Protein backbone atom coordinates (compact mmCIF):
# COMPACT_ATOMS: atom_id res chain seq x y z
CA MET A 1 17.40 22.24 26.19
CA GLY A 2 17.47 18.45 26.15
CA LYS A 3 18.85 16.00 28.64
CA ARG A 4 22.35 14.55 28.38
CA LEU A 5 22.61 10.99 27.04
CA ILE A 6 24.48 8.38 29.11
CA TRP A 7 25.07 4.74 28.14
CA SER A 8 25.19 2.03 30.82
CA LYS A 9 27.91 -0.60 30.53
CA LYS A 10 25.32 -3.23 29.65
CA ALA A 11 23.83 -1.04 26.90
CA GLN A 12 27.30 -0.38 25.48
CA GLN A 13 27.95 -4.13 25.41
CA ASP A 14 24.54 -4.81 23.86
CA ARG A 15 25.27 -2.32 21.09
CA LYS A 16 28.73 -3.80 20.49
CA ASP A 17 27.32 -7.36 20.34
CA ILE A 18 24.56 -6.32 17.92
CA PHE A 19 27.02 -4.62 15.59
CA GLU A 20 29.43 -7.55 15.72
CA TYR A 21 26.61 -9.93 14.87
CA TRP A 22 25.52 -7.92 11.83
CA ASN A 23 29.07 -7.24 10.68
CA THR A 24 29.81 -10.98 10.72
CA ARG A 25 26.49 -12.05 9.24
CA ASN A 26 26.61 -9.51 6.37
CA GLN A 27 30.38 -9.38 5.92
CA SER A 28 29.89 -5.60 5.92
CA THR A 29 29.46 -2.76 8.40
CA LEU A 30 26.76 -0.97 6.36
CA TYR A 31 23.78 -2.36 8.27
CA SER A 32 25.44 -1.74 11.65
CA GLN A 33 26.11 1.85 10.63
CA LYS A 34 22.46 2.27 9.64
CA LEU A 35 21.28 0.78 12.94
CA ASN A 36 23.66 3.03 14.86
CA ARG A 37 22.23 6.11 13.11
CA LEU A 38 18.69 4.97 13.93
CA PHE A 39 19.62 4.34 17.59
CA LYS A 40 21.25 7.78 17.85
CA LYS A 41 18.34 9.56 16.15
CA THR A 42 15.77 7.85 18.40
CA LEU A 43 17.76 8.60 21.55
CA ALA A 44 18.29 12.23 20.50
CA PHE A 45 14.50 12.57 20.33
CA ALA A 46 14.23 10.89 23.75
CA CYS A 47 16.68 13.46 25.17
CA GLU A 48 14.49 16.27 23.87
CA PHE A 49 11.17 14.57 24.69
CA PRO A 50 11.80 12.05 27.52
CA GLN A 51 8.17 10.90 27.62
CA LEU A 52 8.50 9.77 23.97
CA GLY A 53 9.02 6.11 24.87
CA LYS A 54 6.32 3.71 25.94
CA PRO A 55 6.03 3.29 29.72
CA THR A 56 7.22 -0.04 31.15
CA ASP A 57 6.16 -2.12 34.12
CA TYR A 58 9.65 -1.88 35.63
CA ASP A 59 9.45 1.69 36.95
CA GLU A 60 7.60 4.85 36.09
CA ASN A 61 10.87 6.45 34.89
CA ILE A 62 11.88 3.54 32.62
CA ARG A 63 10.62 3.73 29.08
CA VAL A 64 11.16 1.82 25.84
CA CYS A 65 11.48 2.95 22.25
CA PHE A 66 11.31 0.67 19.26
CA VAL A 67 13.91 0.77 16.47
CA ARG A 68 13.32 -1.90 13.84
CA ASP A 69 13.37 -5.19 15.78
CA TYR A 70 15.14 -3.65 18.77
CA LEU A 71 13.86 -2.24 22.04
CA LEU A 72 15.83 0.63 23.57
CA PHE A 73 15.22 0.78 27.32
CA TYR A 74 16.10 4.04 29.03
CA GLU A 75 15.63 5.69 32.39
CA ILE A 76 14.59 9.32 32.77
CA LEU A 77 16.82 11.02 35.34
CA PRO A 78 16.68 14.69 36.40
CA ASN A 79 19.31 15.89 33.89
CA GLU A 80 20.05 12.75 31.88
CA ILE A 81 18.66 9.92 29.82
CA LEU A 82 20.38 6.68 30.85
CA VAL A 83 20.27 3.98 28.18
CA LEU A 84 19.87 0.73 30.13
CA ARG A 85 19.69 -2.00 27.47
CA ILE A 86 19.20 -2.66 23.78
CA TRP A 87 17.17 -5.76 23.34
CA HIS A 88 16.13 -7.67 20.24
CA GLY A 89 12.37 -8.18 20.27
CA LYS A 90 12.71 -11.94 19.70
CA GLN A 91 15.23 -12.49 22.51
CA GLU A 92 14.11 -14.21 25.66
CA ASN A 93 14.13 -11.74 28.51
CA LYS A 94 15.01 -14.11 31.38
CA ASN A 95 18.47 -12.47 31.63
CA GLN A 96 17.27 -8.93 31.01
CA ASN A 97 18.48 -7.02 34.06
CA LYS A 98 18.79 -3.34 34.66
C-alpha cells in the first residue's frame, strides 16, 4: 500500500499560481487541467514508489520529480509524501524555501 499524499501550504499556493497564470495566458482552463492530471499522476507514482524522484542536496528524504517544465519537490515521511513546492525550471530559486 502506498503512502498518503499531503500538500504543504506553499505547494498549494504554487499550484494555484501556476493554474491562474495558464488560465489567464491561454484564456482557457484546458492546459491547467492537463498539468493538474500530470502532477497527480506523477505524485501517485511517488506515493507508491517514494524513491522515484531524483535525490536533492537539501536532505536525503527530499526528492524531485520533473513534469514538463516543472519540478515537484517532495519529502518522504514514514507514512506520507509531503509535497513541498512546485517550481518552474526557469524560475530563480533565491526564494525557494521549504
